[in-house]
Amino acid sequence: MLAGEQDRYNNCCLIETARAIETAANQQKASFTLISYPLAEHGFNLAVPAYRAQDDVDAWKRTLEALRQHVRPQQ
């Protein structure tokens, strides 16, 4: 999960909620990774005022890495 720590958009994507999900996943020994961006708001990787280039680059790098690791191409 990629989360902006300053995200308060409609109270839907709060870092506290992301951390609670992480805690629950860890308690269940489920595979879960939370990457948080301390200065990022909602939409940090979109062409909106909240855009943060350095966080966008990192988020895409991590997304592509996870896809390569977990998604197998169909033959």
PDB file of N, CA and C in Angstrom:
ATOM      1  N   MET A   1       0.845  -1.157   0.000  1.00  0.00           N
ATOM      2  CA  MET A   1       0.000   0.000   0.000  1.00  0.00           C
ATOM      3  C   MET A   1       0.896   1.226   0.000  1.00  0.00           C
ATOM      4  N   LEU A   2       0.580   2.173  -0.860  1.00  0.00           N
ATOM      5  CA  LEU A   2       1.297   3.447  -0.931  1.00  0.00           C
ATOM      6  C   LEU A   2       0.391   4.514  -0.329  1.00  0.00           C
ATOM      7  N   ALA A   3       0.894   5.243   0.652  1.00  0.00           N
ATOM      8  CA  ALA A   3       0.037   6.187   1.368  1.00  0.00           C
ATOM      9  C   ALA A   3       0.741   7.501   1.634  1.00  0.00           C
ATOM     10  N   GLY A   4       0.025   8.581   1.400  1.00  0.00           N
ATOM     11  CA  GLY A   4       0.511   9.911   1.758  1.00  0.00           C
ATOM     12  C   GLY A   4       0.133  10.213   3.197  1.00  0.00           C
ATOM     13  N   GLU A   5       1.100  10.556   4.001  1.00  0.00           N
ATOM     14  CA  GLU A   5       0.825  10.810   5.414  1.00  0.00           C
ATOM     15  C   GLU A   5      -0.009  12.065   5.643  1.00  0.00           C
ATOM     16  N   GLN A   6      -0.066  12.956   4.669  1.00  0.00           N
ATOM     17  CA  GLN A   6      -0.859  14.184   4.798  1.00  0.00           C
ATOM     18  C   GLN A   6      -2.219  14.070   4.103  1.00  0.00           C
ATOM     19  N   ASP A   7      -2.576  12.873   3.661  1.00  0.00           N
ATOM     20  CA  ASP A   7      -3.830  12.658   2.934  1.00  0.00           C
ATOM     21  C   ASP A   7      -5.015  12.747   3.893  1.00  0.00           C
ATOM     22  N   ARG A   8      -5.878  13.725   3.671  1.00  0.00           N
ATOM     23  CA  ARG A   8      -7.087  13.913   4.479  1.00  0.00           C
ATOM     24  C   ARG A   8      -8.325  14.013   3.579  1.00  0.00           C
ATOM     25  N   TYR A   9      -8.174  13.614   2.325  1.00  0.00           N
ATOM     26  CA  TYR A   9      -9.257  13.729   1.354  1.00  0.00           C
ATOM     27  C   TYR A   9     -10.477  12.930   1.809  1.00  0.00           C
ATOM     28  N   ASN A  10     -11.547  13.600   2.135  1.00  0.00           N
ATOM     29  CA  ASN A  10     -12.803  12.977   2.571  1.00  0.00           C
ATOM     30  C   ASN A  10     -12.605  11.940   3.679  1.00  0.00           C
ATOM     31  N   ASN A  11     -11.526  12.062   4.410  1.00  0.00           N
ATOM     32  CA  ASN A  11     -11.197  11.114   5.487  1.00  0.00           C
ATOM     33  C   ASN A  11     -11.194   9.657   5.021  1.00  0.00           C
ATOM     34  N   CYS A  12     -10.951   9.435   3.734  1.00  0.00           N
ATOM     35  CA  CYS A  12     -11.004   8.059   3.216  1.00  0.00           C
ATOM     36  C   CYS A  12      -9.641   7.370   3.220  1.00  0.00           C
ATOM     37  N   CYS A  13      -8.582   8.124   3.195  1.00  0.00           N
ATOM     38  CA  CYS A  13      -7.259   7.526   2.988  1.00  0.00           C
ATOM     39  C   CYS A  13      -6.283   7.962   4.083  1.00  0.00           C
ATOM     40  N   LEU A  14      -6.735   7.945   5.299  1.00  0.00           N
ATOM     41  CA  LEU A  14      -5.924   8.421   6.417  1.00  0.00           C
ATOM     42  C   LEU A  14      -4.764   7.469   6.703  1.00  0.00           C
ATOM     43  N   ILE A  15      -3.615   8.031   7.039  1.00  0.00           N
ATOM     44  CA  ILE A  15      -2.453   7.205   7.353  1.00  0.00           C
ATOM     45  C   ILE A  15      -2.734   6.317   8.567  1.00  0.00           C
ATOM     46  N   GLU A  16      -3.561   6.808   9.475  1.00  0.00           N
ATOM     47  CA  GLU A  16      -3.908   5.995  10.644  1.00  0.00           C
ATOM     48  C   GLU A  16      -4.652   4.722  10.221  1.00  0.00           C
ATOM     49  N   THR A  17      -5.505   4.842   9.217  1.00  0.00           N
ATOM     50  CA  THR A  17      -6.214   3.666   8.703  1.00  0.00           C
ATOM     51  C   THR A  17      -5.236   2.714   8.029  1.00  0.00           C
ATOM     52  N   ALA A  18      -4.328   3.251   7.251  1.00  0.00           N
ATOM     53  CA  ALA A  18      -3.323   2.414   6.594  1.00  0.00           C
ATOM     54  C   ALA A  18      -2.478   1.673   7.619  1.00  0.00           C
ATOM     55  N   ARG A  19      -2.109   2.350   8.684  1.00  0.00           N
ATOM     56  CA  ARG A  19      -1.308   1.703   9.730  1.00  0.00           C
ATOM     57  C   ARG A  19      -2.114   0.645  10.479  1.00  0.00           C
ATOM     58  N   ALA A  20      -3.399   0.873  10.659  1.00  0.00           N
ATOM     59  CA  ALA A  20      -4.257  -0.132  11.292  1.00  0.00           C
ATOM     60  C   ALA A  20      -4.362  -1.379  10.414  1.00  0.00           C
ATOM     61  N   ILE A  21      -4.476  -1.190   9.101  1.00  0.00           N
ATOM     62  CA  ILE A  21      -4.497  -2.323   8.171  1.00  0.00           C
ATOM     63  C   ILE A  21      -3.182  -3.081   8.259  1.00  0.00           C
ATOM     64  N   GLU A  22      -2.076  -2.345   8.298  1.00  0.00           N
ATOM     65  CA  GLU A  22      -0.764  -2.981   8.418  1.00  0.00           C
ATOM     66  C   GLU A  22      -0.673  -3.810   9.698  1.00  0.00           C
ATOM     67  N   THR A  23      -1.131  -3.260  10.804  1.00  0.00           N
ATOM     68  CA  THR A  23      -1.099  -3.976  12.081  1.00  0.00           C
ATOM     69  C   THR A  23      -1.933  -5.250  12.016  1.00  0.00           C
ATOM     70  N   ALA A  24      -3.143  -5.138  11.465  1.00  0.00           N
ATOM     71  CA  ALA A  24      -4.012  -6.309  11.339  1.00  0.00           C
ATOM     72  C   ALA A  24      -3.379  -7.373  10.448  1.00  0.00           C
ATOM     73  N   ALA A  25      -2.784  -6.962   9.353  1.00  0.00           N
ATOM     74  CA  ALA A  25      -2.125  -7.916   8.451  1.00  0.00           C
ATOM     75  C   ALA A  25      -0.969  -8.609   9.166  1.00  0.00           C
ATOM     76  N   ASN A  26      -0.174  -7.836   9.895  1.00  0.00           N
ATOM     77  CA  ASN A  26       0.948  -8.435  10.632  1.00  0.00           C
ATOM     78  C   ASN A  26       0.459  -9.424  11.677  1.00  0.00           C
ATOM     79  N   GLN A  27      -0.634  -9.101  12.361  1.00  0.00           N
ATOM     80  CA  GLN A  27      -1.178 -10.008  13.367  1.00  0.00           C
ATOM     81  C   GLN A  27      -1.640 -11.317  12.744  1.00  0.00           C
ATOM     82  N   GLN A  28      -2.116 -11.240  11.509  1.00  0.00           N
ATOM     83  CA  GLN A  28      -2.567 -12.440  10.787  1.00  0.00           C
ATOM     84  C   GLN A  28      -1.440 -13.105  10.001  1.00  0.00           C
ATOM     85  N   LYS A  29      -0.240 -12.534  10.122  1.00  0.00           N
ATOM     86  CA  LYS A  29       0.924 -13.015   9.371  1.00  0.00           C
ATOM     87  C   LYS A  29       0.668 -13.009   7.860  1.00  0.00           C
ATOM     88  N   ALA A  30      -0.112 -12.026   7.425  1.00  0.00           N
ATOM     89  CA  ALA A  30      -0.410 -11.846   6.005  1.00  0.00           C
ATOM     90  C   ALA A  30       0.674 -10.986   5.367  1.00  0.00           C
ATOM     91  N   SER A  31       0.908 -11.234   4.118  1.00  0.00           N
ATOM     92  CA  SER A  31       1.880 -10.436   3.382  1.00  0.00           C
ATOM     93  C   SER A  31       1.290  -9.049   3.135  1.00  0.00           C
ATOM     94  N   PHE A  32       1.986  -8.027   3.612  1.00  0.00           N
ATOM     95  CA  PHE A  32       1.501  -6.658   3.459  1.00  0.00           C
ATOM     96  C   PHE A  32       2.676  -5.716   3.627  1.00  0.00           C
ATOM     97  N   THR A  33       2.766  -4.743   2.742  1.00  0.00           N
ATOM     98  CA  THR A  33       3.806  -3.726   2.846  1.00  0.00           C
ATOM     99  C   THR A  33       3.157  -2.357   2.755  1.00  0.00           C
ATOM    100  N   LEU A  34       3.450  -1.516   3.728  1.00  0.00           N
ATOM    101  CA  LEU A  34       2.983  -0.138   3.728  1.00  0.00           C
ATOM    102  C   LEU A  34       4.176   0.766   3.459  1.00  0.00           C
ATOM    103  N   ILE A  35       4.075   1.555   2.411  1.00  0.00           N
ATOM    104  CA  ILE A  35       5.076   2.571   2.115  1.00  0.00           C
ATOM    105  C   ILE A  35       4.378   3.912   2.312  1.00  0.00           C
ATOM    106  N   SER A  36       4.911   4.717   3.220  1.00  0.00           N
ATOM    107  CA  SER A  36       4.282   6.017   3.456  1.00  0.00           C
ATOM    108  C   SER A  36       5.221   7.136   3.031  1.00  0.00           C
ATOM    109  N   TYR A  37       4.596   8.190   2.554  1.00  0.00           N
ATOM    110  CA  TYR A  37       5.326   9.360   2.089  1.00  0.00           C
ATOM    111  C   TYR A  37       4.953  10.515   3.024  1.00  0.00           C
ATOM    112  N   PRO A  38       5.880  10.947   3.881  1.00  0.00           N
ATOM    113  CA  PRO A  38       5.577  11.912   4.944  1.00  0.00           C
ATOM    114  C   PRO A  38       4.948  13.229   4.491  1.00  0.00           C
ATOM    115  N   LEU A  39       5.323  13.752   3.344  1.00  0.00           N
ATOM    116  CA  LEU A  39       4.813  15.058   2.912  1.00  0.00           C
ATOM    117  C   LEU A  39       3.702  14.960   1.875  1.00  0.00           C
ATOM    118  N   ALA A  40       3.339  13.747   1.494  1.00  0.00           N
ATOM    119  CA  ALA A  40       2.388  13.557   0.401  1.00  0.00           C
ATOM    120  C   ALA A  40       0.937  13.668   0.852  1.00  0.00           C
ATOM    121  N   GLU A  41       0.140  14.311  -0.020  1.00  0.00           N
ATOM    122  CA  GLU A  41      -1.299  14.419   0.166  1.00  0.00           C
ATOM    123  C   GLU A  41      -1.991  13.464  -0.803  1.00  0.00           C
ATOM    124  N   HIS A  42      -3.315  13.502  -0.806  1.00  0.00           N
ATOM    125  CA  HIS A  42      -4.105  12.691  -1.735  1.00  0.00           C
ATOM    126  C   HIS A  42      -3.766  13.104  -3.165  1.00  0.00           C
ATOM    127  N   GLY A  43      -3.514  12.144  -4.013  1.00  0.00           N
ATOM    128  CA  GLY A  43      -3.212  12.432  -5.404  1.00  0.00           C
ATOM    129  C   GLY A  43      -1.778  12.860  -5.653  1.00  0.00           C
ATOM    130  N   PHE A  44      -0.875  12.495  -4.752  1.00  0.00           N
ATOM    131  CA  PHE A  44       0.526  12.916  -4.900  1.00  0.00           C
ATOM    132  C   PHE A  44       1.169  12.455  -6.193  1.00  0.00           C
ATOM    133  N   ASN A  45       0.586  11.445  -6.843  1.00  0.00           N
ATOM    134  CA  ASN A  45       1.159  10.923  -8.078  1.00  0.00           C
ATOM    135  C   ASN A  45       0.311  11.275  -9.307  1.00  0.00           C
ATOM    136  N   LEU A  46      -0.567  12.256  -9.160  1.00  0.00           N
ATOM    137  CA  LEU A  46      -1.422  12.696 -10.262  1.00  0.00           C
ATOM    138  C   LEU A  46      -1.095  14.138 -10.643  1.00  0.00           C
ATOM    139  N   ALA A  47      -1.549  14.553 -11.793  1.00  0.00           N
ATOM    140  CA  ALA A  47      -1.310  15.927 -12.256  1.00  0.00           C
ATOM    141  C   ALA A  47      -2.294  16.879 -11.580  1.00  0.00           C
ATOM    142  N   VAL A  48      -2.142  17.026 -10.288  1.00  0.00           N
ATOM    143  CA  VAL A  48      -2.977  17.917  -9.469  1.00  0.00           C
ATOM    144  C   VAL A  48      -2.040  18.741  -8.589  1.00  0.00           C
ATOM    145  N   PRO A  49      -2.544  19.764  -7.906  1.00  0.00           N
ATOM    146  CA  PRO A  49      -1.657  20.583  -7.064  1.00  0.00           C
ATOM    147  C   PRO A  49      -0.865  19.803  -6.012  1.00  0.00           C
ATOM    148  N   ALA A  50      -1.360  18.658  -5.584  1.00  0.00           N
ATOM    149  CA  ALA A  50      -0.666  17.867  -4.561  1.00  0.00           C
ATOM    150  C   ALA A  50       0.502  17.047  -5.122  1.00  0.00           C
ATOM    151  N   TYR A  51       0.715  17.102  -6.442  1.00  0.00           N
ATOM    152  CA  TYR A  51       1.747  16.275  -7.086  1.00  0.00           C
ATOM    153  C   TYR A  51       3.112  16.475  -6.443  1.00  0.00           C
ATOM    154  N   ARG A  52       3.789  15.343  -6.189  1.00  0.00           N
ATOM    155  CA  ARG A  52       5.150  15.344  -5.633  1.00  0.00           C
ATOM    156  C   ARG A  52       5.990  14.411  -6.498  1.00  0.00           C
ATOM    157  N   ALA A  53       6.812  14.978  -7.350  1.00  0.00           N
ATOM    158  CA  ALA A  53       7.575  14.215  -8.342  1.00  0.00           C
ATOM    159  C   ALA A  53       8.410  13.109  -7.710  1.00  0.00           C
ATOM    160  N   GLN A  54       9.132  13.401  -6.646  1.00  0.00           N
ATOM    161  CA  GLN A  54      10.007  12.396  -6.065  1.00  0.00           C
ATOM    162  C   GLN A  54       9.215  11.213  -5.499  1.00  0.00           C
ATOM    163  N   ASP A  55       8.053  11.489  -4.910  1.00  0.00           N
ATOM    164  CA  ASP A  55       7.219  10.406  -4.392  1.00  0.00           C
ATOM    165  C   ASP A  55       6.573   9.630  -5.534  1.00  0.00           C
ATOM    166  N   ASP A  56       6.188  10.325  -6.601  1.00  0.00           N
ATOM    167  CA  ASP A  56       5.615   9.681  -7.777  1.00  0.00           C
ATOM    168  C   ASP A  56       6.602   8.687  -8.380  1.00  0.00           C
ATOM    169  N   VAL A  57       7.834   9.121  -8.563  1.00  0.00           N
ATOM    170  CA  VAL A  57       8.859   8.240  -9.144  1.00  0.00           C
ATOM    171  C   VAL A  57       9.059   7.007  -8.265  1.00  0.00           C
ATOM    172  N   ASP A  58       9.152   7.212  -6.962  1.00  0.00           N
ATOM    173  CA  ASP A  58       9.348   6.090  -6.041  1.00  0.00           C
ATOM    174  C   ASP A  58       8.144   5.150  -6.058  1.00  0.00           C
ATOM    175  N   ALA A  59       6.936   5.713  -6.046  1.00  0.00           N
ATOM    176  CA  ALA A  59       5.729   4.888  -6.037  1.00  0.00           C
ATOM    177  C   ALA A  59       5.637   4.029  -7.303  1.00  0.00           C
ATOM    178  N   TRP A  60       5.926   4.614  -8.456  1.00  0.00           N
ATOM    179  CA  TRP A  60       5.888   3.837  -9.701  1.00  0.00           C
ATOM    180  C   TRP A  60       6.963   2.757  -9.716  1.00  0.00           C
ATOM    181  N   LYS A  61       8.144   3.082  -9.224  1.00  0.00           N
ATOM    182  CA  LYS A  61       9.220   2.078  -9.158  1.00  0.00           C
ATOM    183  C   LYS A  61       8.778   0.891  -8.306  1.00  0.00           C
ATOM    184  N   ARG A  62       8.208   1.175  -7.151  1.00  0.00           N
ATOM    185  CA  ARG A  62       7.757   0.111  -6.248  1.00  0.00           C
ATOM    186  C   ARG A  62       6.585  -0.675  -6.844  1.00  0.00           C
ATOM    187  N   THR A  63       5.686   0.014  -7.530  1.00  0.00           N
ATOM    188  CA  THR A  63       4.548  -0.660  -8.153  1.00  0.00           C
ATOM    189  C   THR A  63       5.018  -1.628  -9.228  1.00  0.00           C
ATOM    190  N   LEU A  64       5.889  -1.164 -10.100  1.00  0.00           N
ATOM    191  CA  LEU A  64       6.396  -2.032 -11.166  1.00  0.00           C
ATOM    192  C   LEU A  64       7.184  -3.206 -10.610  1.00  0.00           C
ATOM    193  N   GLU A  65       7.954  -2.972  -9.560  1.00  0.00           N
ATOM    194  CA  GLU A  65       8.704  -4.052  -8.914  1.00  0.00           C
ATOM    195  C   GLU A  65       7.752  -5.106  -8.341  1.00  0.00           C
ATOM    196  N   ALA A  66       6.698  -4.670  -7.680  1.00  0.00           N
ATOM    197  CA  ALA A  66       5.722  -5.604  -7.109  1.00  0.00           C
ATOM    198  C   ALA A  66       5.008  -6.388  -8.198  1.00  0.00           C
ATOM    199  N   LEU A  67       4.641  -5.718  -9.288  1.00  0.00           N
ATOM    200  CA  LEU A  67       3.999  -6.423 -10.393  1.00  0.00           C
ATOM    201  C   LEU A  67       4.925  -7.472 -10.993  1.00  0.00           C
ATOM    202  N   ARG A  68       6.175  -7.124 -11.193  1.00  0.00           N
ATOM    203  CA  ARG A  68       7.137  -8.099 -11.732  1.00  0.00           C
ATOM    204  C   ARG A  68       7.284  -9.301 -10.805  1.00  0.00           C
ATOM    205  N   GLN A  69       7.230  -9.050  -9.520  1.00  0.00           N
ATOM    206  CA  GLN A  69       7.421 -10.116  -8.534  1.00  0.00           C
ATOM    207  C   GLN A  69       6.185 -11.002  -8.394  1.00  0.00           C
ATOM    208  N   HIS A  70       4.999 -10.431  -8.497  1.00  0.00           N
ATOM    209  CA  HIS A  70       3.791 -11.170  -8.138  1.00  0.00           C
ATOM    210  C   HIS A  70       2.870 -11.540  -9.288  1.00  0.00           C
ATOM    211  N   VAL A  71       3.051 -10.927 -10.461  1.00  0.00           N
ATOM    212  CA  VAL A  71       2.183 -11.210 -11.583  1.00  0.00           C
ATOM    213  C   VAL A  71       2.981 -11.922 -12.667  1.00  0.00           C
ATOM    214  N   ARG A  72       2.519 -13.087 -13.020  1.00  0.00           N
ATOM    215  CA  ARG A  72       3.195 -13.867 -14.054  1.00  0.00           C
ATOM    216  C   ARG A  72       2.515 -13.616 -15.403  1.00  0.00           C
ATOM    217  N   PRO A  73       3.284 -13.349 -16.435  1.00  0.00           N
ATOM    218  CA  PRO A  73       2.688 -13.172 -17.763  1.00  0.00           C
ATOM    219  C   PRO A  73       2.017 -14.467 -18.224  1.00  0.00           C
ATOM    220  N   GLN A  74       0.901 -14.314 -18.925  1.00  0.00           N
ATOM    221  CA  GLN A  74       0.235 -15.491 -19.458  1.00  0.00           C
ATOM    222  C   GLN A  74       0.997 -15.998 -20.663  1.00  0.00           C
ATOM    223  N   GLN A  75       1.049 -17.293 -20.804  1.00  0.00           N
ATOM    224  CA  GLN A  75       1.795 -17.910 -21.904  1.00  0.00           C
ATOM    225  C   GLN A  75       0.966 -17.936 -23.161  1.00  0.00           C
TER     226      GLN A  75
END
